[in-house]
Amino acid sequence: MAKLKTLLLHPDPEVRTSLRHKLAEESFLQVLGEAVTAFEALELLEHVKYGAVFLGLDLPDGVSGIELAQMLKGRKDRPALIFISDNESKAYAAFELGALDYLIWPADDDRLDTTIDKLKDFKTRFREVPEPSDWEDPGSGGERTDEHTVRLPLNEDEQEDFLAALKTAWDFSRAQNPEIEKLAVNQDGKTILIPYTQIIFIEAYEDYSYVHTSGQKFLTSHRLKNLEDRLAPHRFFRVHRKFLVNLDMVTEIASLPGSNFMLRTAGRTRIELPISRRRIAKLKQILGF
């Protein structure tokens, strides 16, 4: 029987160790990874089908356990979230986000047993993707016979006609699906579409990025390099290794001591971004001065 893969997310190694020892006693659970920050947890969640996450509230690097839960809220087959805290101040917010449980740490054995019982019940409803080894190969003599491949020989003329038709279909498909000039980000369990024209700048943060508008910023899983490739045709420019800026939002370029420059953008809050010296010439060329 498949075990419920479990992630331990907490900045205190003693808490993670205590949890690991307790959960090791449960045959239906498998602790498969530990993390300290929300960003490390997101990276693991992208590659492992976790069924449960024990997570602290106060995490380093600027993203709390509550904010991580908000980012996961819209996911299909979201893992069970068990919050760990030294007080009850965030319990209401945690349960509003669908927490399975909220533990005041340190927790005694009876309280942990209650959490284990909740996880057992959750496991009966959690849909886990079968491991590849459980899938039968139709050509390997297994029992599955509902799928097979039909191979049709084609002469040279027919091959050329087929490839031409395939290219026509591909070009038509691309023409029928123009890019929507909006960036999709997850916020509080919802997918928000931000028009490119409302983005002032984008800031790299480790393997993620913050999208800044005039009044808000959104944490996204997009890497800055990928956004640069996507947004460059829409007048966005990489002014620095950490910053991608909407040139339509630029209001001023100021010289600073030491041959450095500062770019100022529009918005209710005046935002100043550094420009690396090796990029200023190209930026001046783009802006036409």
C-alpha atoms as a PDB file:
ATOM      1  CA  MET A   1       0.000   0.000   0.000  1.00  0.00           C
ATOM      2  CA  ALA A   2       1.319   3.444  -0.948  1.00  0.00           C
ATOM      3  CA  LYS A   3       2.369   5.609   1.974  1.00  0.00           C
ATOM      4  CA  LEU A   4       1.398   9.222   2.489  1.00  0.00           C
ATOM      5  CA  LYS A   5       4.526  11.168   1.582  1.00  0.00           C
ATOM      6  CA  THR A   6       5.199  13.820   4.222  1.00  0.00           C
ATOM      7  CA  LEU A   7       7.293  16.999   4.182  1.00  0.00           C
ATOM      8  CA  LEU A   8       8.627  18.698   7.330  1.00  0.00           C
ATOM      9  CA  LEU A   9       8.937  22.473   6.932  1.00  0.00           C
ATOM     10  CA  HIS A  10      10.315  24.266   9.979  1.00  0.00           C
ATOM     11  CA  PRO A  11      13.376  26.435  10.698  1.00  0.00           C
ATOM     12  CA  ASP A  12      14.161  24.625  13.984  1.00  0.00           C
ATOM     13  CA  PRO A  13      16.028  21.322  13.396  1.00  0.00           C
ATOM     14  CA  GLU A  14      14.984  20.021  16.840  1.00  0.00           C
ATOM     15  CA  VAL A  15      11.310  20.359  15.913  1.00  0.00           C
ATOM     16  CA  ARG A  16      11.907  18.530  12.624  1.00  0.00           C
ATOM     17  CA  THR A  17      13.823  15.756  14.406  1.00  0.00           C
ATOM     18  CA  SER A  18      11.097  15.275  17.026  1.00  0.00           C
ATOM     19  CA  LEU A  19       8.437  15.083  14.330  1.00  0.00           C
ATOM     20  CA  ARG A  20      10.459  12.647  12.255  1.00  0.00           C
ATOM     21  CA  HIS A  21      10.870  10.276  15.217  1.00  0.00           C
ATOM     22  CA  LYS A  22       7.171  10.400  16.039  1.00  0.00           C
ATOM     23  CA  LEU A  23       5.982   9.940  12.460  1.00  0.00           C
ATOM     24  CA  ALA A  24       8.416   7.062  11.862  1.00  0.00           C
ATOM     25  CA  GLU A  25       6.202   4.955  14.115  1.00  0.00           C
ATOM     26  CA  GLU A  26       3.285   5.249  11.674  1.00  0.00           C
ATOM     27  CA  SER A  27       3.308   2.648   8.906  1.00  0.00           C
ATOM     28  CA  PHE A  28       1.057   4.683   6.595  1.00  0.00           C
ATOM     29  CA  LEU A  29       3.362   7.746   6.600  1.00  0.00           C
ATOM     30  CA  GLN A  30       6.706   8.304   4.902  1.00  0.00           C
ATOM     31  CA  VAL A  31       8.727  11.390   5.818  1.00  0.00           C
ATOM     32  CA  LEU A  32      10.367  12.251   2.520  1.00  0.00           C
ATOM     33  CA  GLY A  33      12.173  15.536   2.862  1.00  0.00           C
ATOM     34  CA  GLU A  34      12.768  18.498   5.127  1.00  0.00           C
ATOM     35  CA  ALA A  35      12.858  22.205   4.336  1.00  0.00           C
ATOM     36  CA  VAL A  36      13.579  25.449   6.162  1.00  0.00           C
ATOM     37  CA  THR A  37      12.041  28.071   3.852  1.00  0.00           C
ATOM     38  CA  ALA A  38       8.836  28.279   1.841  1.00  0.00           C
ATOM     39  CA  PHE A  39      10.900  28.478  -1.352  1.00  0.00           C
ATOM     40  CA  GLU A  40      12.657  25.190  -0.577  1.00  0.00           C
ATOM     41  CA  ALA A  41       9.267  23.627   0.139  1.00  0.00           C
ATOM     42  CA  LEU A  42       7.809  24.864  -3.161  1.00  0.00           C
ATOM     43  CA  GLU A  43      10.743  23.371  -5.039  1.00  0.00           C
ATOM     44  CA  LEU A  44      10.162  19.998  -3.370  1.00  0.00           C
ATOM     45  CA  LEU A  45       6.409  20.185  -3.957  1.00  0.00           C
ATOM     46  CA  GLU A  46       7.052  20.616  -7.673  1.00  0.00           C
ATOM     47  CA  HIS A  47       8.823  17.255  -7.841  1.00  0.00           C
ATOM     48  CA  VAL A  48       7.244  15.089  -5.128  1.00  0.00           C
ATOM     49  CA  LYS A  49       3.560  14.206  -4.719  1.00  0.00           C
ATOM     50  CA  TYR A  50       3.336  15.062  -1.023  1.00  0.00           C
ATOM     51  CA  GLY A  51       0.209  14.095   0.854  1.00  0.00           C
ATOM     52  CA  ALA A  52       0.992  16.007   4.052  1.00  0.00           C
ATOM     53  CA  VAL A  53       3.092  18.992   5.088  1.00  0.00           C
ATOM     54  CA  PHE A  54       3.927  19.903   8.687  1.00  0.00           C
ATOM     55  CA  LEU A  55       4.812  23.593   8.512  1.00  0.00           C
ATOM     56  CA  GLY A  56       5.874  26.308  10.886  1.00  0.00           C
ATOM     57  CA  LEU A  57       4.386  29.799  10.837  1.00  0.00           C
ATOM     58  CA  ASP A  58       7.505  31.954  11.097  1.00  0.00           C
ATOM     59  CA  LEU A  59       9.786  30.972   8.220  1.00  0.00           C
ATOM     60  CA  PRO A  60      12.945  32.758   7.031  1.00  0.00           C
ATOM     61  CA  ASP A  61      13.361  34.635   3.722  1.00  0.00           C
ATOM     62  CA  GLY A  62      10.148  36.645   3.885  1.00  0.00           C
ATOM     63  CA  VAL A  63       7.376  34.106   3.188  1.00  0.00           C
ATOM     64  CA  SER A  64       5.455  32.770   6.190  1.00  0.00           C
ATOM     65  CA  GLY A  65       3.628  29.482   6.595  1.00  0.00           C
ATOM     66  CA  ILE A  66       0.302  31.282   6.183  1.00  0.00           C
ATOM     67  CA  GLU A  67       1.464  32.872   2.917  1.00  0.00           C
ATOM     68  CA  LEU A  68       2.661  29.499   1.652  1.00  0.00           C
ATOM     69  CA  ALA A  69      -0.754  28.014   2.438  1.00  0.00           C
ATOM     70  CA  GLN A  70      -2.345  30.825   0.428  1.00  0.00           C
ATOM     71  CA  MET A  71      -0.132  29.949  -2.537  1.00  0.00           C
ATOM     72  CA  LEU A  72      -1.111  26.269  -2.293  1.00  0.00           C
ATOM     73  CA  LYS A  73      -4.818  26.882  -1.805  1.00  0.00           C
ATOM     74  CA  GLY A  74      -5.749  26.687  -5.474  1.00  0.00           C
ATOM     75  CA  ARG A  75      -3.782  23.537  -6.211  1.00  0.00           C
ATOM     76  CA  LYS A  76      -5.532  20.369  -7.246  1.00  0.00           C
ATOM     77  CA  ASP A  77      -5.014  17.531  -4.734  1.00  0.00           C
ATOM     78  CA  ARG A  78      -3.405  19.904  -2.257  1.00  0.00           C
ATOM     79  CA  PRO A  79      -1.584  18.115   0.600  1.00  0.00           C
ATOM     80  CA  ALA A  80      -2.914  18.158   4.147  1.00  0.00           C
ATOM     81  CA  LEU A  81      -1.412  21.097   6.043  1.00  0.00           C
ATOM     82  CA  ILE A  82      -0.591  20.745   9.729  1.00  0.00           C
ATOM     83  CA  PHE A  83       0.563  24.051  11.200  1.00  0.00           C
ATOM     84  CA  ILE A  84       3.034  24.189  14.092  1.00  0.00           C
ATOM     85  CA  SER A  85       3.188  27.196  16.413  1.00  0.00           C
ATOM     86  CA  ASP A  86       3.992  28.164  19.977  1.00  0.00           C
ATOM     87  CA  ASN A  87       0.680  30.027  20.345  1.00  0.00           C
ATOM     88  CA  GLU A  88      -2.868  30.111  18.991  1.00  0.00           C
ATOM     89  CA  SER A  89      -2.734  33.560  17.362  1.00  0.00           C
ATOM     90  CA  LYS A  90      -2.827  32.255  13.768  1.00  0.00           C
ATOM     91  CA  ALA A  91      -5.130  29.285  14.302  1.00  0.00           C
ATOM     92  CA  TYR A  92      -8.198  30.970  12.825  1.00  0.00           C
ATOM     93  CA  ALA A  93      -6.299  32.082   9.715  1.00  0.00           C
ATOM     94  CA  ALA A  94      -4.849  28.588   9.308  1.00  0.00           C
ATOM     95  CA  PHE A  95      -8.223  26.834   9.460  1.00  0.00           C
ATOM     96  CA  GLU A  96      -9.708  29.447   7.108  1.00  0.00           C
ATOM     97  CA  LEU A  97      -7.082  28.281   4.607  1.00  0.00           C
ATOM     98  CA  GLY A  98      -8.175  24.670   5.046  1.00  0.00           C
ATOM     99  CA  ALA A  99      -5.601  23.444   7.577  1.00  0.00           C
ATOM    100  CA  LEU A 100      -6.070  19.834   8.645  1.00  0.00           C
ATOM    101  CA  ASP A 101      -4.747  20.651  12.118  1.00  0.00           C
ATOM    102  CA  TYR A 102      -2.954  23.289  14.201  1.00  0.00           C
ATOM    103  CA  LEU A 103      -0.451  22.056  16.790  1.00  0.00           C
ATOM    104  CA  ILE A 104       0.795  24.095  19.736  1.00  0.00           C
ATOM    105  CA  TRP A 105       4.416  23.041  20.071  1.00  0.00           C
ATOM    106  CA  PRO A 106       5.721  21.199  21.958  1.00  0.00           C
ATOM    107  CA  ALA A 107       2.773  18.836  21.687  1.00  0.00           C
ATOM    108  CA  ASP A 108       2.267  15.827  23.936  1.00  0.00           C
ATOM    109  CA  ASP A 109       1.738  12.297  22.611  1.00  0.00           C
ATOM    110  CA  ASP A 110      -2.038  12.376  23.018  1.00  0.00           C
ATOM    111  CA  ARG A 111      -2.312  15.563  20.951  1.00  0.00           C
ATOM    112  CA  LEU A 112      -0.039  14.171  18.256  1.00  0.00           C
ATOM    113  CA  ASP A 113      -2.126  10.996  18.146  1.00  0.00           C
ATOM    114  CA  THR A 114      -5.153  13.156  17.342  1.00  0.00           C
ATOM    115  CA  THR A 115      -3.274  14.623  14.385  1.00  0.00           C
ATOM    116  CA  ILE A 116      -2.248  11.141  13.236  1.00  0.00           C
ATOM    117  CA  ASP A 117      -5.901  10.035  13.307  1.00  0.00           C
ATOM    118  CA  LYS A 118      -6.845  13.015  11.147  1.00  0.00           C
ATOM    119  CA  LEU A 119      -4.102  12.098   8.670  1.00  0.00           C
ATOM    120  CA  LYS A 120      -5.355   8.516   8.492  1.00  0.00           C
ATOM    121  CA  ASP A 121      -8.793   9.789   7.586  1.00  0.00           C
ATOM    122  CA  PHE A 122      -7.326  12.247   5.075  1.00  0.00           C
ATOM    123  CA  LYS A 123      -5.340   9.478   3.373  1.00  0.00           C
ATOM    124  CA  THR A 124      -8.550   7.655   2.446  1.00  0.00           C
ATOM    125  CA  ARG A 125      -9.566  10.686   0.365  1.00  0.00           C
ATOM    126  CA  PHE A 126      -6.191  11.742  -1.016  1.00  0.00           C
ATOM    127  CA  ARG A 127      -5.633  10.888  -4.666  1.00  0.00           C
ATOM    128  CA  GLU A 128      -2.067   9.822  -5.225  1.00  0.00           C
ATOM    129  CA  VAL A 129      -0.655   9.311  -8.702  1.00  0.00           C
ATOM    130  CA  PRO A 130       0.435   5.674  -9.135  1.00  0.00           C
ATOM    131  CA  GLU A 131       4.144   5.067  -9.314  1.00  0.00           C
ATOM    132  CA  PRO A 132       5.390   4.359 -12.867  1.00  0.00           C
ATOM    133  CA  SER A 133       6.286   0.794 -11.820  1.00  0.00           C
ATOM    134  CA  ASP A 134       2.572   0.131 -11.276  1.00  0.00           C
ATOM    135  CA  TRP A 135       1.731   0.889 -14.901  1.00  0.00           C
ATOM    136  CA  GLU A 136       1.706  -1.953 -17.385  1.00  0.00           C
ATOM    137  CA  ASP A 137       3.525  -1.648 -20.675  1.00  0.00           C
ATOM    138  CA  PRO A 138       1.124  -2.859 -23.422  1.00  0.00           C
ATOM    139  CA  GLY A 139       4.028  -4.445 -25.252  1.00  0.00           C
ATOM    140  CA  SER A 140       5.510  -6.229 -22.265  1.00  0.00           C
ATOM    141  CA  GLY A 141       3.032  -9.059 -21.973  1.00  0.00           C
ATOM    142  CA  GLY A 142       0.986  -7.403 -19.219  1.00  0.00           C
ATOM    143  CA  GLU A 143      -2.736  -7.632 -18.902  1.00  0.00           C
ATOM    144  CA  ARG A 144      -3.517  -4.238 -20.431  1.00  0.00           C
ATOM    145  CA  THR A 145      -4.653  -4.661 -24.041  1.00  0.00           C
ATOM    146  CA  ASP A 146      -6.805  -1.550 -24.485  1.00  0.00           C
ATOM    147  CA  GLU A 147      -4.039   0.466 -26.160  1.00  0.00           C
ATOM    148  CA  HIS A 148      -1.804  -0.306 -29.077  1.00  0.00           C
ATOM    149  CA  THR A 149       0.036   1.478 -31.876  1.00  0.00           C
ATOM    150  CA  VAL A 150      -0.909   1.112 -35.538  1.00  0.00           C
ATOM    151  CA  ARG A 151       2.009   1.758 -37.908  1.00  0.00           C
ATOM    152  CA  LEU A 152       1.164   2.627 -41.528  1.00  0.00           C
ATOM    153  CA  PRO A 153       3.900   2.553 -44.183  1.00  0.00           C
ATOM    154  CA  LEU A 154       4.160   5.689 -46.343  1.00  0.00           C
ATOM    155  CA  ASN A 155       6.030   6.099 -49.598  1.00  0.00           C
ATOM    156  CA  GLU A 156       8.133   9.234 -50.208  1.00  0.00           C
ATOM    157  CA  ASP A 157       5.333  11.254 -51.878  1.00  0.00           C
ATOM    158  CA  GLU A 158       2.922  10.419 -49.084  1.00  0.00           C
ATOM    159  CA  GLN A 159       5.512  11.379 -46.462  1.00  0.00           C
ATOM    160  CA  GLU A 160       5.979  14.808 -48.063  1.00  0.00           C
ATOM    161  CA  ASP A 161       2.205  15.349 -48.220  1.00  0.00           C
ATOM    162  CA  PHE A 162       1.833  14.281 -44.600  1.00  0.00           C
ATOM    163  CA  LEU A 163       4.592  16.605 -43.352  1.00  0.00           C
ATOM    164  CA  ALA A 164       3.156  19.518 -45.354  1.00  0.00           C
ATOM    165  CA  ALA A 165      -0.295  18.910 -43.887  1.00  0.00           C
ATOM    166  CA  LEU A 166       1.206  18.653 -40.396  1.00  0.00           C
ATOM    167  CA  LYS A 167       3.040  21.971 -40.829  1.00  0.00           C
ATOM    168  CA  THR A 168      -0.160  23.644 -42.063  1.00  0.00           C
ATOM    169  CA  ALA A 169      -2.075  22.338 -39.070  1.00  0.00           C
ATOM    170  CA  TRP A 170       0.693  23.512 -36.696  1.00  0.00           C
ATOM    171  CA  ASP A 171       0.820  26.995 -38.221  1.00  0.00           C
ATOM    172  CA  PHE A 172      -2.974  27.245 -38.088  1.00  0.00           C
ATOM    173  CA  SER A 173      -3.001  26.154 -34.459  1.00  0.00           C
ATOM    174  CA  ARG A 174      -0.440  28.787 -33.539  1.00  0.00           C
ATOM    175  CA  ALA A 175      -2.391  31.461 -35.404  1.00  0.00           C
ATOM    176  CA  GLN A 176      -5.556  30.465 -33.567  1.00  0.00           C
ATOM    177  CA  ASN A 177      -3.895  30.846 -30.156  1.00  0.00           C
ATOM    178  CA  PRO A 178      -2.477  34.390 -29.887  1.00  0.00           C
ATOM    179  CA  GLU A 179      -0.724  35.336 -26.675  1.00  0.00           C
ATOM    180  CA  ILE A 180      -2.928  37.002 -24.093  1.00  0.00           C
ATOM    181  CA  GLU A 181      -0.999  40.017 -22.838  1.00  0.00           C
ATOM    182  CA  LYS A 182      -1.596  39.184 -19.195  1.00  0.00           C
ATOM    183  CA  LEU A 183       0.529  37.404 -16.618  1.00  0.00           C
ATOM    184  CA  ALA A 184      -1.166  34.721 -14.497  1.00  0.00           C
ATOM    185  CA  VAL A 185      -0.234  34.698 -10.794  1.00  0.00           C
ATOM    186  CA  ASN A 186      -1.715  32.834  -7.830  1.00  0.00           C
ATOM    187  CA  GLN A 187      -2.991  34.889  -4.899  1.00  0.00           C
ATOM    188  CA  ASP A 188      -5.081  33.616  -1.982  1.00  0.00           C
ATOM    189  CA  GLY A 189      -6.045  30.494  -3.900  1.00  0.00           C
ATOM    190  CA  LYS A 190      -7.141  32.446  -6.976  1.00  0.00           C
ATOM    191  CA  THR A 191      -5.488  32.908 -10.356  1.00  0.00           C
ATOM    192  CA  ILE A 192      -5.162  36.612 -11.109  1.00  0.00           C
ATOM    193  CA  LEU A 193      -4.430  37.868 -14.631  1.00  0.00           C
ATOM    194  CA  ILE A 194      -2.297  41.018 -14.513  1.00  0.00           C
ATOM    195  CA  PRO A 195      -2.190  43.024 -17.759  1.00  0.00           C
ATOM    196  CA  TYR A 196       1.370  43.692 -18.860  1.00  0.00           C
ATOM    197  CA  THR A 197       0.557  47.405 -18.924  1.00  0.00           C
ATOM    198  CA  GLN A 198      -0.077  47.355 -15.153  1.00  0.00           C
ATOM    199  CA  ILE A 199       3.261  45.767 -14.265  1.00  0.00           C
ATOM    200  CA  ILE A 200       5.835  48.358 -13.201  1.00  0.00           C
ATOM    201  CA  PHE A 201       8.771  46.047 -12.587  1.00  0.00           C
ATOM    202  CA  ILE A 202       9.627  42.464 -11.660  1.00  0.00           C
ATOM    203  CA  GLU A 203      12.159  41.571  -9.005  1.00  0.00           C
ATOM    204  CA  ALA A 204      14.109  38.324  -8.886  1.00  0.00           C
ATOM    205  CA  TYR A 205      14.060  36.423  -5.613  1.00  0.00           C
ATOM    206  CA  GLU A 206      16.080  33.196  -5.610  1.00  0.00           C
ATOM    207  CA  ASP A 207      14.302  30.911  -8.126  1.00  0.00           C
ATOM    208  CA  TYR A 208      11.091  32.950  -7.914  1.00  0.00           C
ATOM    209  CA  SER A 209      10.101  36.551  -8.552  1.00  0.00           C
ATOM    210  CA  TYR A 210       7.951  39.373  -7.239  1.00  0.00           C
ATOM    211  CA  VAL A 211       5.673  41.146  -9.728  1.00  0.00           C
ATOM    212  CA  HIS A 212       5.153  44.784  -8.699  1.00  0.00           C
ATOM    213  CA  THR A 213       2.146  46.877  -9.742  1.00  0.00           C
ATOM    214  CA  SER A 214       1.295  50.381  -8.542  1.00  0.00           C
ATOM    215  CA  GLY A 215      -0.364  49.108  -5.387  1.00  0.00           C
ATOM    216  CA  GLN A 216       0.616  45.454  -4.846  1.00  0.00           C
ATOM    217  CA  LYS A 217       3.311  42.870  -5.293  1.00  0.00           C
ATOM    218  CA  PHE A 218       2.723  39.202  -6.085  1.00  0.00           C
ATOM    219  CA  LEU A 219       5.060  36.286  -5.430  1.00  0.00           C
ATOM    220  CA  THR A 220       5.215  34.014  -8.473  1.00  0.00           C
ATOM    221  CA  SER A 221       6.998  30.792  -9.389  1.00  0.00           C
ATOM    222  CA  HIS A 222       8.247  32.354 -12.647  1.00  0.00           C
ATOM    223  CA  ARG A 223      12.002  32.815 -12.975  1.00  0.00           C
ATOM    224  CA  LEU A 224      13.148  36.252 -14.061  1.00  0.00           C
ATOM    225  CA  LYS A 225      14.969  34.879 -17.120  1.00  0.00           C
ATOM    226  CA  ASN A 226      11.773  33.230 -18.366  1.00  0.00           C
ATOM    227  CA  LEU A 227       9.799  36.428 -17.819  1.00  0.00           C
ATOM    228  CA  GLU A 228      12.486  38.429 -19.624  1.00  0.00           C
ATOM    229  CA  ASP A 229      12.141  36.213 -22.706  1.00  0.00           C
ATOM    230  CA  ARG A 230       8.358  36.481 -22.560  1.00  0.00           C
ATOM    231  CA  LEU A 231       8.069  40.216 -21.907  1.00  0.00           C
ATOM    232  CA  ALA A 232      10.945  41.647 -23.946  1.00  0.00           C
ATOM    233  CA  PRO A 233       8.697  42.114 -27.036  1.00  0.00           C
ATOM    234  CA  HIS A 234       6.341  44.141 -24.822  1.00  0.00           C
ATOM    235  CA  ARG A 235       8.886  46.871 -23.929  1.00  0.00           C
ATOM    236  CA  PHE A 236      10.278  45.274 -20.799  1.00  0.00           C
ATOM    237  CA  PHE A 237      14.019  45.652 -20.248  1.00  0.00           C
ATOM    238  CA  ARG A 238      16.437  43.850 -17.906  1.00  0.00           C
ATOM    239  CA  VAL A 239      18.113  46.838 -16.251  1.00  0.00           C
ATOM    240  CA  HIS A 240      19.913  44.709 -13.688  1.00  0.00           C
ATOM    241  CA  ARG A 241      20.392  41.018 -12.927  1.00  0.00           C
ATOM    242  CA  LYS A 242      17.588  41.323 -10.340  1.00  0.00           C
ATOM    243  CA  PHE A 243      15.188  43.711 -12.082  1.00  0.00           C
ATOM    244  CA  LEU A 244      13.037  43.625 -15.223  1.00  0.00           C
ATOM    245  CA  VAL A 245      11.307  46.961 -15.883  1.00  0.00           C
ATOM    246  CA  ASN A 246       8.340  48.083 -17.990  1.00  0.00           C
ATOM    247  CA  LEU A 247       9.887  50.941 -19.999  1.00  0.00           C
ATOM    248  CA  ASP A 248       6.491  52.592 -20.386  1.00  0.00           C
ATOM    249  CA  MET A 249       6.562  53.130 -16.607  1.00  0.00           C
ATOM    250  CA  VAL A 250       9.975  54.815 -16.559  1.00  0.00           C
ATOM    251  CA  THR A 251       9.771  58.499 -15.595  1.00  0.00           C
ATOM    252  CA  GLU A 252      13.419  59.435 -15.028  1.00  0.00           C
ATOM    253  CA  ILE A 253      17.010  58.234 -15.330  1.00  0.00           C
ATOM    254  CA  ALA A 254      19.364  59.951 -12.889  1.00  0.00           C
ATOM    255  CA  SER A 255      23.165  59.927 -12.759  1.00  0.00           C
ATOM    256  CA  LEU A 256      24.767  58.937  -9.474  1.00  0.00           C
ATOM    257  CA  PRO A 257      28.348  59.203  -8.190  1.00  0.00           C
ATOM    258  CA  GLY A 258      30.726  56.521  -9.431  1.00  0.00           C
ATOM    259  CA  SER A 259      29.313  56.321 -12.976  1.00  0.00           C
ATOM    260  CA  ASN A 260      26.203  54.574 -11.710  1.00  0.00           C
ATOM    261  CA  PHE A 261      22.626  55.314 -12.661  1.00  0.00           C
ATOM    262  CA  MET A 262      19.233  55.181 -10.998  1.00  0.00           C
ATOM    263  CA  LEU A 263      16.006  54.529 -12.855  1.00  0.00           C
ATOM    264  CA  ARG A 264      12.746  55.860 -11.385  1.00  0.00           C
ATOM    265  CA  THR A 265       9.352  54.434 -12.221  1.00  0.00           C
ATOM    266  CA  ALA A 266       5.754  55.571 -12.018  1.00  0.00           C
ATOM    267  CA  GLY A 267       3.281  54.542  -9.357  1.00  0.00           C
ATOM    268  CA  ARG A 268       1.898  55.845  -6.106  1.00  0.00           C
ATOM    269  CA  THR A 269       5.183  54.906  -4.470  1.00  0.00           C
ATOM    270  CA  ARG A 270       8.246  56.210  -6.279  1.00  0.00           C
ATOM    271  CA  ILE A 271      10.416  53.223  -6.994  1.00  0.00           C
ATOM    272  CA  GLU A 272      14.122  53.567  -7.733  1.00  0.00           C
ATOM    273  CA  LEU A 273      16.027  50.731  -9.348  1.00  0.00           C
ATOM    274  CA  PRO A 274      19.766  50.455  -9.949  1.00  0.00           C
ATOM    275  CA  ILE A 275      21.019  50.078 -13.524  1.00  0.00           C
ATOM    276  CA  SER A 276      24.249  48.201 -14.101  1.00  0.00           C
ATOM    277  CA  ARG A 277      26.800  50.203 -16.084  1.00  0.00           C
ATOM    278  CA  ARG A 278      27.068  47.621 -18.827  1.00  0.00           C
ATOM    279  CA  ARG A 279      23.315  47.941 -19.530  1.00  0.00           C
ATOM    280  CA  ILE A 280      22.914  51.714 -19.578  1.00  0.00           C
ATOM    281  CA  ALA A 281      24.134  52.146 -23.181  1.00  0.00           C
ATOM    282  CA  LYS A 282      21.594  49.674 -24.519  1.00  0.00           C
ATOM    283  CA  LEU A 283      18.835  51.265 -22.451  1.00  0.00           C
ATOM    284  CA  LYS A 284      19.660  54.723 -23.820  1.00  0.00           C
ATOM    285  CA  GLN A 285      19.547  53.296 -27.349  1.00  0.00           C
ATOM    286  CA  ILE A 286      16.127  51.772 -26.723  1.00  0.00           C
ATOM    287  CA  LEU A 287      14.756  54.990 -25.255  1.00  0.00           C
ATOM    288  CA  GLY A 288      16.185  57.037 -28.110  1.00  0.00           C
ATOM    289  CA  PHE A 289      18.656  59.366 -26.396  1.00  0.00           C
END
